[in-house]
mmCIF file of all heavy atoms, coordinates in Angstrom:
data_MODEL
# 
_entry.id   MODEL 
# 
loop_
_atom_site.group_PDB 
_atom_site.id 
_atom_site.type_symbol 
_atom_site.label_atom_id 
_atom_site.label_alt_id 
_atom_site.label_comp_id 
_atom_site.label_asym_id 
_atom_site.label_entity_id 
_atom_site.label_seq_id 
_atom_site.pdbx_PDB_ins_code 
_atom_site.Cartn_x 
_atom_site.Cartn_y 
_atom_site.Cartn_z 
_atom_site.occupancy 
_atom_site.B_iso_or_equiv 
_atom_site.pdbx_formal_charge 
_atom_site.auth_seq_id 
_atom_site.auth_comp_id 
_atom_site.auth_asym_id 
_atom_site.auth_atom_id 
_atom_site.pdbx_PDB_model_num 
ATOM 1   N N   . GLY A 1 1  ? 168.291 104.058 60.085 1.00 0.00 ? 1  GLY A N   1 
ATOM 2   C CA  . GLY A 1 1  ? 168.809 105.065 61.028 1.00 0.00 ? 1  GLY A CA  1 
ATOM 3   C C   . GLY A 1 1  ? 169.840 106.049 60.359 1.00 0.00 ? 1  GLY A C   1 
ATOM 4   O O   . GLY A 1 1  ? 170.608 106.599 60.999 1.00 0.00 ? 1  GLY A O   1 
ATOM 5   N N   . GLY A 1 2  ? 169.754 106.147 59.005 1.00 0.00 ? 2  GLY A N   1 
ATOM 6   C CA  . GLY A 1 2  ? 170.659 107.056 58.325 1.00 0.00 ? 2  GLY A CA  1 
ATOM 7   C C   . GLY A 1 2  ? 171.993 106.419 57.801 1.00 0.00 ? 2  GLY A C   1 
ATOM 8   O O   . GLY A 1 2  ? 172.714 106.933 57.134 1.00 0.00 ? 2  GLY A O   1 
ATOM 9   N N   . ALA A 1 3  ? 172.147 105.154 58.226 1.00 0.00 ? 3  ALA A N   1 
ATOM 10  C CA  . ALA A 1 3  ? 173.362 104.356 57.745 1.00 0.00 ? 3  ALA A CA  1 
ATOM 11  C C   . ALA A 1 3  ? 173.393 103.959 56.376 1.00 0.00 ? 3  ALA A C   1 
ATOM 12  O O   . ALA A 1 3  ? 174.423 103.553 55.846 1.00 0.00 ? 3  ALA A O   1 
ATOM 13  C CB  . ALA A 1 3  ? 173.519 103.214 58.692 1.00 0.00 ? 3  ALA A CB  1 
ATOM 14  N N   . ALA A 1 4  ? 172.181 104.048 55.709 1.00 0.00 ? 4  ALA A N   1 
ATOM 15  C CA  . ALA A 1 4  ? 172.081 103.650 54.304 1.00 0.00 ? 4  ALA A CA  1 
ATOM 16  C C   . ALA A 1 4  ? 171.077 104.691 53.709 1.00 0.00 ? 4  ALA A C   1 
ATOM 17  O O   . ALA A 1 4  ? 170.197 105.298 54.329 1.00 0.00 ? 4  ALA A O   1 
ATOM 18  C CB  . ALA A 1 4  ? 171.507 102.280 54.102 1.00 0.00 ? 4  ALA A CB  1 
ATOM 19  N N   . PRO A 1 5  ? 170.996 104.944 52.403 1.00 0.00 ? 5  PRO A N   1 
ATOM 20  C CA  . PRO A 1 5  ? 170.168 105.850 51.729 1.00 0.00 ? 5  PRO A CA  1 
ATOM 21  C C   . PRO A 1 5  ? 168.692 105.380 51.900 1.00 0.00 ? 5  PRO A C   1 
ATOM 22  O O   . PRO A 1 5  ? 168.416 104.287 52.238 1.00 0.00 ? 5  PRO A O   1 
ATOM 23  C CB  . PRO A 1 5  ? 170.564 105.780 50.314 1.00 0.00 ? 5  PRO A CB  1 
ATOM 24  C CG  . PRO A 1 5  ? 171.908 105.232 50.236 1.00 0.00 ? 5  PRO A CG  1 
ATOM 25  C CD  . PRO A 1 5  ? 172.004 104.264 51.390 1.00 0.00 ? 5  PRO A CD  1 
ATOM 26  N N   . HIS A 1 6  ? 167.758 106.384 51.754 1.00 0.00 ? 6  HIS A N   1 
ATOM 27  C CA  . HIS A 1 6  ? 166.289 106.170 51.710 1.00 0.00 ? 6  HIS A CA  1 
ATOM 28  C C   . HIS A 1 6  ? 165.813 106.797 50.468 1.00 0.00 ? 6  HIS A C   1 
ATOM 29  O O   . HIS A 1 6  ? 166.155 107.886 50.064 1.00 0.00 ? 6  HIS A O   1 
ATOM 30  C CB  . HIS A 1 6  ? 165.750 106.716 52.950 1.00 0.00 ? 6  HIS A CB  1 
ATOM 31  C CG  . HIS A 1 6  ? 164.279 106.235 53.264 1.00 0.00 ? 6  HIS A CG  1 
ATOM 32  N ND1 . HIS A 1 6  ? 163.335 106.615 52.387 1.00 0.00 ? 6  HIS A ND1 1 
ATOM 33  C CD2 . HIS A 1 6  ? 163.828 105.593 54.211 1.00 0.00 ? 6  HIS A CD2 1 
ATOM 34  C CE1 . HIS A 1 6  ? 162.097 105.998 52.830 1.00 0.00 ? 6  HIS A CE1 1 
ATOM 35  N NE2 . HIS A 1 6  ? 162.495 105.379 54.007 1.00 0.00 ? 6  HIS A NE2 1 
ATOM 36  N N   . GLY A 1 7  ? 164.915 106.118 49.856 1.00 0.00 ? 7  GLY A N   1 
ATOM 37  C CA  . GLY A 1 7  ? 164.341 106.578 48.613 1.00 0.00 ? 7  GLY A CA  1 
ATOM 38  C C   . GLY A 1 7  ? 163.338 107.729 48.805 1.00 0.00 ? 7  GLY A C   1 
ATOM 39  O O   . GLY A 1 7  ? 163.023 108.331 47.826 1.00 0.00 ? 7  GLY A O   1 
ATOM 40  N N   . GLY A 1 8  ? 162.813 107.926 50.020 1.00 0.00 ? 8  GLY A N   1 
ATOM 41  C CA  . GLY A 1 8  ? 161.962 109.012 50.296 1.00 0.00 ? 8  GLY A CA  1 
ATOM 42  C C   . GLY A 1 8  ? 160.600 108.611 50.633 1.00 0.00 ? 8  GLY A C   1 
ATOM 43  O O   . GLY A 1 8  ? 159.793 109.447 51.121 1.00 0.00 ? 8  GLY A O   1 
ATOM 44  N N   . GLY A 1 9  ? 160.123 107.496 50.102 1.00 0.00 ? 9  GLY A N   1 
ATOM 45  C CA  . GLY A 1 9  ? 158.737 107.110 50.256 1.00 0.00 ? 9  GLY A CA  1 
ATOM 46  C C   . GLY A 1 9  ? 158.519 106.442 51.627 1.00 0.00 ? 9  GLY A C   1 
ATOM 47  O O   . GLY A 1 9  ? 159.302 105.441 51.981 1.00 0.00 ? 9  GLY A O   1 
ATOM 48  N N   . ALA A 1 10 ? 157.352 106.716 52.316 1.00 0.00 ? 10 ALA A N   1 
ATOM 49  C CA  . ALA A 1 10 ? 157.025 106.102 53.528 1.00 0.00 ? 10 ALA A CA  1 
ATOM 50  C C   . ALA A 1 10 ? 156.427 104.756 53.242 1.00 0.00 ? 10 ALA A C   1 
ATOM 51  O O   . ALA A 1 10 ? 155.946 104.399 52.163 1.00 0.00 ? 10 ALA A O   1 
ATOM 52  C CB  . ALA A 1 10 ? 156.046 106.930 54.353 1.00 0.00 ? 10 ALA A CB  1 
ATOM 53  N N   . PHE A 1 11 ? 156.393 103.933 54.301 1.00 0.00 ? 11 PHE A N   1 
ATOM 54  C CA  . PHE A 1 11 ? 155.814 102.546 54.170 1.00 0.00 ? 11 PHE A CA  1 
ATOM 55  C C   . PHE A 1 11 ? 154.303 102.441 54.745 1.00 0.00 ? 11 PHE A C   1 
ATOM 56  O O   . PHE A 1 11 ? 153.436 101.923 54.116 1.00 0.00 ? 11 PHE A O   1 
ATOM 57  C CB  . PHE A 1 11 ? 156.588 101.565 54.951 1.00 0.00 ? 11 PHE A CB  1 
ATOM 58  C CG  . PHE A 1 11 ? 158.062 101.525 54.590 1.00 0.00 ? 11 PHE A CG  1 
ATOM 59  C CD1 . PHE A 1 11 ? 159.012 101.074 55.456 1.00 0.00 ? 11 PHE A CD1 1 
ATOM 60  C CD2 . PHE A 1 11 ? 158.425 101.922 53.304 1.00 0.00 ? 11 PHE A CD2 1 
ATOM 61  C CE1 . PHE A 1 11 ? 160.358 100.936 55.136 1.00 0.00 ? 11 PHE A CE1 1 
ATOM 62  C CE2 . PHE A 1 11 ? 159.819 101.862 52.896 1.00 0.00 ? 11 PHE A CE2 1 
ATOM 63  C CZ  . PHE A 1 11 ? 160.756 101.389 53.802 1.00 0.00 ? 11 PHE A CZ  1 
ATOM 64  N N   . SER A 1 12 ? 154.115 102.989 55.950 1.00 0.00 ? 12 SER A N   1 
ATOM 65  C CA  . SER A 1 12 ? 152.924 102.794 56.617 1.00 0.00 ? 12 SER A CA  1 
ATOM 66  C C   . SER A 1 12 ? 151.714 103.382 55.837 1.00 0.00 ? 12 SER A C   1 
ATOM 67  O O   . SER A 1 12 ? 151.767 104.399 55.283 1.00 0.00 ? 12 SER A O   1 
ATOM 68  C CB  . SER A 1 12 ? 152.974 103.333 58.017 1.00 0.00 ? 12 SER A CB  1 
ATOM 69  O OG  . SER A 1 12 ? 153.792 102.630 58.818 1.00 0.00 ? 12 SER A OG  1 
ATOM 70  N N   . GLY A 1 13 ? 150.571 102.717 55.918 1.00 0.00 ? 13 GLY A N   1 
ATOM 71  C CA  . GLY A 1 13 ? 149.252 103.043 55.287 1.00 0.00 ? 13 GLY A CA  1 
ATOM 72  C C   . GLY A 1 13 ? 149.222 102.635 53.820 1.00 0.00 ? 13 GLY A C   1 
ATOM 73  O O   . GLY A 1 13 ? 148.189 103.040 53.180 1.00 0.00 ? 13 GLY A O   1 
ATOM 74  N N   . LYS A 1 14 ? 150.185 101.962 53.324 1.00 0.00 ? 14 LYS A N   1 
ATOM 75  C CA  . LYS A 1 14 ? 150.178 101.535 51.853 1.00 0.00 ? 14 LYS A CA  1 
ATOM 76  C C   . LYS A 1 14 ? 150.066 100.047 51.666 1.00 0.00 ? 14 LYS A C   1 
ATOM 77  O O   . LYS A 1 14 ? 150.834 99.266  52.372 1.00 0.00 ? 14 LYS A O   1 
ATOM 78  C CB  . LYS A 1 14 ? 151.507 102.068 51.305 1.00 0.00 ? 14 LYS A CB  1 
ATOM 79  C CG  . LYS A 1 14 ? 151.693 103.578 51.315 1.00 0.00 ? 14 LYS A CG  1 
ATOM 80  C CD  . LYS A 1 14 ? 152.998 103.992 50.688 1.00 0.00 ? 14 LYS A CD  1 
ATOM 81  C CE  . LYS A 1 14 ? 153.112 105.559 50.724 1.00 0.00 ? 14 LYS A CE  1 
ATOM 82  N NZ  . LYS A 1 14 ? 154.458 106.001 50.188 1.00 0.00 ? 14 LYS A NZ  1 
ATOM 83  N N   . ASP A 1 15 ? 149.163 99.589  50.819 1.00 0.00 ? 15 ASP A N   1 
ATOM 84  C CA  . ASP A 1 15 ? 149.088 98.202  50.516 1.00 0.00 ? 15 ASP A CA  1 
ATOM 85  C C   . ASP A 1 15 ? 150.331 97.799  49.619 1.00 0.00 ? 15 ASP A C   1 
ATOM 86  O O   . ASP A 1 15 ? 151.049 98.686  49.133 1.00 0.00 ? 15 ASP A O   1 
ATOM 87  C CB  . ASP A 1 15 ? 147.812 97.922  49.812 1.00 0.00 ? 15 ASP A CB  1 
ATOM 88  C CG  . ASP A 1 15 ? 147.805 98.401  48.369 1.00 0.00 ? 15 ASP A CG  1 
ATOM 89  O OD1 . ASP A 1 15 ? 148.525 97.793  47.478 1.00 0.00 ? 15 ASP A OD1 1 
ATOM 90  O OD2 . ASP A 1 15 ? 147.282 99.481  48.040 1.00 0.00 ? 15 ASP A OD2 1 
ATOM 91  N N   . PRO A 1 16 ? 150.642 96.549  49.543 1.00 0.00 ? 16 PRO A N   1 
ATOM 92  C CA  . PRO A 1 16 ? 151.850 96.123  48.908 1.00 0.00 ? 16 PRO A CA  1 
ATOM 93  C C   . PRO A 1 16 ? 151.923 96.278  47.415 1.00 0.00 ? 16 PRO A C   1 
ATOM 94  O O   . PRO A 1 16 ? 152.969 95.931  46.800 1.00 0.00 ? 16 PRO A O   1 
ATOM 95  C CB  . PRO A 1 16 ? 151.944 94.676  49.296 1.00 0.00 ? 16 PRO A CB  1 
ATOM 96  C CG  . PRO A 1 16 ? 150.570 94.142  49.525 1.00 0.00 ? 16 PRO A CG  1 
ATOM 97  C CD  . PRO A 1 16 ? 149.927 95.385  50.220 1.00 0.00 ? 16 PRO A CD  1 
ATOM 98  N N   . THR A 1 17 ? 150.863 96.870  46.676 1.00 0.00 ? 17 THR A N   1 
ATOM 99  C CA  . THR A 1 17 ? 151.054 97.259  45.281 1.00 0.00 ? 17 THR A CA  1 
ATOM 100 C C   . THR A 1 17 ? 151.969 98.412  45.222 1.00 0.00 ? 17 THR A C   1 
ATOM 101 O O   . THR A 1 17 ? 152.531 98.705  44.155 1.00 0.00 ? 17 THR A O   1 
ATOM 102 C CB  . THR A 1 17 ? 149.783 97.431  44.572 1.00 0.00 ? 17 THR A CB  1 
ATOM 103 O OG1 . THR A 1 17 ? 149.021 98.593  45.089 1.00 0.00 ? 17 THR A OG1 1 
ATOM 104 C CG2 . THR A 1 17 ? 148.824 96.308  44.607 1.00 0.00 ? 17 THR A CG2 1 
ATOM 105 N N   . LYS A 1 18 ? 152.085 99.167  46.304 1.00 0.00 ? 18 LYS A N   1 
ATOM 106 C CA  . LYS A 1 18 ? 152.917 100.374 46.333 1.00 0.00 ? 18 LYS A CA  1 
ATOM 107 C C   . LYS A 1 18 ? 154.286 99.982  46.504 1.00 0.00 ? 18 LYS A C   1 
ATOM 108 O O   . LYS A 1 18 ? 154.740 99.459  47.581 1.00 0.00 ? 18 LYS A O   1 
ATOM 109 C CB  . LYS A 1 18 ? 152.422 101.328 47.462 1.00 0.00 ? 18 LYS A CB  1 
ATOM 110 C CG  . LYS A 1 18 ? 151.251 102.235 47.163 1.00 0.00 ? 18 LYS A CG  1 
ATOM 111 C CD  . LYS A 1 18 ? 149.990 101.473 47.123 1.00 0.00 ? 18 LYS A CD  1 
ATOM 112 C CE  . LYS A 1 18 ? 148.752 102.478 47.111 1.00 0.00 ? 18 LYS A CE  1 
ATOM 113 N NZ  . LYS A 1 18 ? 147.534 101.731 46.953 1.00 0.00 ? 18 LYS A NZ  1 
ATOM 114 N N   . VAL A 1 19 ? 155.176 100.175 45.574 1.00 0.00 ? 19 VAL A N   1 
ATOM 115 C CA  . VAL A 1 19 ? 156.565 99.669  45.603 1.00 0.00 ? 19 VAL A CA  1 
ATOM 116 C C   . VAL A 1 19 ? 157.371 100.461 46.627 1.00 0.00 ? 19 VAL A C   1 
ATOM 117 O O   . VAL A 1 19 ? 158.394 100.020 46.969 1.00 0.00 ? 19 VAL A O   1 
ATOM 118 C CB  . VAL A 1 19 ? 157.264 99.698  44.176 1.00 0.00 ? 19 VAL A CB  1 
ATOM 119 C CG1 . VAL A 1 19 ? 156.732 98.626  43.390 1.00 0.00 ? 19 VAL A CG1 1 
ATOM 120 C CG2 . VAL A 1 19 ? 157.008 101.164 43.526 1.00 0.00 ? 19 VAL A CG2 1 
ATOM 121 N N   . ASP A 1 20 ? 156.817 101.631 47.023 1.00 0.00 ? 20 ASP A N   1 
ATOM 122 C CA  . ASP A 1 20 ? 157.536 102.318 48.159 1.00 0.00 ? 20 ASP A CA  1 
ATOM 123 C C   . ASP A 1 20 ? 157.693 101.352 49.354 1.00 0.00 ? 20 ASP A C   1 
ATOM 124 O O   . ASP A 1 20 ? 158.749 101.383 50.042 1.00 0.00 ? 20 ASP A O   1 
ATOM 125 C CB  . ASP A 1 20 ? 156.591 103.481 48.737 1.00 0.00 ? 20 ASP A CB  1 
ATOM 126 C CG  . ASP A 1 20 ? 156.854 104.774 47.931 1.00 0.00 ? 20 ASP A CG  1 
ATOM 127 O OD1 . ASP A 1 20 ? 157.926 104.901 47.209 1.00 0.00 ? 20 ASP A OD1 1 
ATOM 128 O OD2 . ASP A 1 20 ? 156.029 105.699 48.054 1.00 0.00 ? 20 ASP A OD2 1 
ATOM 129 N N   . ARG A 1 21 ? 156.694 100.468 49.453 1.00 0.00 ? 21 ARG A N   1 
ATOM 130 C CA  . ARG A 1 21 ? 156.750 99.534  50.593 1.00 0.00 ? 21 ARG A CA  1 
ATOM 131 C C   . ARG A 1 21 ? 157.386 98.175  50.119 1.00 0.00 ? 21 ARG A C   1 
ATOM 132 O O   . ARG A 1 21 ? 158.316 97.706  50.684 1.00 0.00 ? 21 ARG A O   1 
ATOM 133 C CB  . ARG A 1 21 ? 155.373 99.303  51.148 1.00 0.00 ? 21 ARG A CB  1 
ATOM 134 C CG  . ARG A 1 21 ? 155.264 98.381  52.403 1.00 0.00 ? 21 ARG A CG  1 
ATOM 135 C CD  . ARG A 1 21 ? 153.966 98.385  53.052 1.00 0.00 ? 21 ARG A CD  1 
ATOM 136 N NE  . ARG A 1 21 ? 154.261 98.386  54.440 1.00 0.00 ? 21 ARG A NE  1 
ATOM 137 C CZ  . ARG A 1 21 ? 153.289 98.705  55.383 1.00 0.00 ? 21 ARG A CZ  1 
ATOM 138 N NH1 . ARG A 1 21 ? 152.191 99.220  55.034 1.00 0.00 ? 21 ARG A NH1 1 
ATOM 139 N NH2 . ARG A 1 21 ? 153.555 98.638  56.673 1.00 0.00 ? 21 ARG A NH2 1 
ATOM 140 N N   . SER A 1 22 ? 156.700 97.507  49.110 1.00 0.00 ? 22 SER A N   1 
ATOM 141 C CA  . SER A 1 22 ? 157.134 96.231  48.764 1.00 0.00 ? 22 SER A CA  1 
ATOM 142 C C   . SER A 1 22 ? 158.529 96.055  48.193 1.00 0.00 ? 22 SER A C   1 
ATOM 143 O O   . SER A 1 22 ? 159.205 95.155  48.530 1.00 0.00 ? 22 SER A O   1 
ATOM 144 C CB  . SER A 1 22 ? 156.005 95.598  47.738 1.00 0.00 ? 22 SER A CB  1 
ATOM 145 O OG  . SER A 1 22 ? 155.961 96.461  46.596 1.00 0.00 ? 22 SER A OG  1 
ATOM 146 N N   . ALA A 1 23 ? 158.949 97.062  47.457 1.00 0.00 ? 23 ALA A N   1 
ATOM 147 C CA  . ALA A 1 23 ? 160.300 96.981  46.870 1.00 0.00 ? 23 ALA A CA  1 
ATOM 148 C C   . ALA A 1 23 ? 161.310 97.266  47.843 1.00 0.00 ? 23 ALA A C   1 
ATOM 149 O O   . ALA A 1 23 ? 162.490 96.796  47.734 1.00 0.00 ? 23 ALA A O   1 
ATOM 150 C CB  . ALA A 1 23 ? 160.357 97.923  45.616 1.00 0.00 ? 23 ALA A CB  1 
ATOM 151 N N   . ALA A 1 24 ? 160.993 98.149  48.860 1.00 0.00 ? 24 ALA A N   1 
ATOM 152 C CA  . ALA A 1 24 ? 161.941 98.332  50.052 1.00 0.00 ? 24 ALA A CA  1 
ATOM 153 C C   . ALA A 1 24 ? 162.165 97.076  50.793 1.00 0.00 ? 24 ALA A C   1 
ATOM 154 O O   . ALA A 1 24 ? 163.271 96.777  51.198 1.00 0.00 ? 24 ALA A O   1 
ATOM 155 C CB  . ALA A 1 24 ? 161.463 99.431  50.872 1.00 0.00 ? 24 ALA A CB  1 
ATOM 156 N N   . TYR A 1 25 ? 161.059 96.343  50.950 1.00 0.00 ? 25 TYR A N   1 
ATOM 157 C CA  . TYR A 1 25 ? 161.158 95.032  51.627 1.00 0.00 ? 25 TYR A CA  1 
ATOM 158 C C   . TYR A 1 25 ? 161.950 94.060  50.767 1.00 0.00 ? 25 TYR A C   1 
ATOM 159 O O   . TYR A 1 25 ? 162.775 93.247  51.343 1.00 0.00 ? 25 TYR A O   1 
ATOM 160 C CB  . TYR A 1 25 ? 159.700 94.422  51.863 1.00 0.00 ? 25 TYR A CB  1 
ATOM 161 C CG  . TYR A 1 25 ? 158.910 95.230  52.936 1.00 0.00 ? 25 TYR A CG  1 
ATOM 162 C CD1 . TYR A 1 25 ? 157.610 94.950  53.060 1.00 0.00 ? 25 TYR A CD1 1 
ATOM 163 C CD2 . TYR A 1 25 ? 159.569 96.191  53.693 1.00 0.00 ? 25 TYR A CD2 1 
ATOM 164 C CE1 . TYR A 1 25 ? 156.816 95.577  53.999 1.00 0.00 ? 25 TYR A CE1 1 
ATOM 165 C CE2 . TYR A 1 25 ? 158.760 96.853  54.654 1.00 0.00 ? 25 TYR A CE2 1 
ATOM 166 C CZ  . TYR A 1 25 ? 157.404 96.484  54.742 1.00 0.00 ? 25 TYR A CZ  1 
ATOM 167 O OH  . TYR A 1 25 ? 156.622 97.207  55.731 1.00 0.00 ? 25 TYR A OH  1 
ATOM 168 N N   . ALA A 1 26 ? 161.656 93.996  49.453 1.00 0.00 ? 26 ALA A N   1 
ATOM 169 C CA  . ALA A 1 26 ? 162.395 93.102  48.615 1.00 0.00 ? 26 ALA A CA  1 
ATOM 170 C C   . ALA A 1 26 ? 163.922 93.384  48.573 1.00 0.00 ? 26 ALA A C   1 
ATOM 171 O O   . ALA A 1 26 ? 164.808 92.526  48.618 1.00 0.00 ? 26 ALA A O   1 
ATOM 172 C CB  . ALA A 1 26 ? 161.848 93.086  47.177 1.00 0.00 ? 26 ALA A CB  1 
ATOM 173 N N   . SER A 1 27 ? 164.246 94.670  48.520 1.00 0.00 ? 27 SER A N   1 
ATOM 174 C CA  . SER A 1 27 ? 165.648 94.996  48.441 1.00 0.00 ? 27 SER A CA  1 
ATOM 175 C C   . SER A 1 27 ? 166.410 94.701  49.787 1.00 0.00 ? 27 SER A C   1 
ATOM 176 O O   . SER A 1 27 ? 167.563 94.199  49.820 1.00 0.00 ? 27 SER A O   1 
ATOM 177 C CB  . SER A 1 27 ? 165.870 96.477  48.152 1.00 0.00 ? 27 SER A CB  1 
ATOM 178 O OG  . SER A 1 27 ? 165.189 97.335  49.021 1.00 0.00 ? 27 SER A OG  1 
ATOM 179 N N   . ARG A 1 28 ? 165.688 94.786  50.912 1.00 0.00 ? 28 ARG A N   1 
ATOM 180 C CA  . ARG A 1 28 ? 166.211 94.353  52.209 1.00 0.00 ? 28 ARG A CA  1 
ATOM 181 C C   . ARG A 1 28 ? 166.487 92.828  52.194 1.00 0.00 ? 28 ARG A C   1 
ATOM 182 O O   . ARG A 1 28 ? 167.499 92.271  52.644 1.00 0.00 ? 28 ARG A O   1 
ATOM 183 C CB  . ARG A 1 28 ? 165.326 94.814  53.353 1.00 0.00 ? 28 ARG A CB  1 
ATOM 184 C CG  . ARG A 1 28 ? 165.511 94.033  54.678 1.00 0.00 ? 28 ARG A CG  1 
ATOM 185 C CD  . ARG A 1 28 ? 166.887 94.311  55.318 1.00 0.00 ? 28 ARG A CD  1 
ATOM 186 N NE  . ARG A 1 28 ? 166.931 93.613  56.557 1.00 0.00 ? 28 ARG A NE  1 
ATOM 187 C CZ  . ARG A 1 28 ? 168.070 93.550  57.415 1.00 0.00 ? 28 ARG A CZ  1 
ATOM 188 N NH1 . ARG A 1 28 ? 169.107 94.174  57.099 1.00 0.00 ? 28 ARG A NH1 1 
ATOM 189 N NH2 . ARG A 1 28 ? 167.985 92.924  58.592 1.00 0.00 ? 28 ARG A NH2 1 
# 
């Protein structure tokens, strides 16, 4: 919700080889 930075890459529609998604999950 804007309380932390965002790298800019969306999540939806991407399989987990896309680090936009998987690395965002790992960092959380």
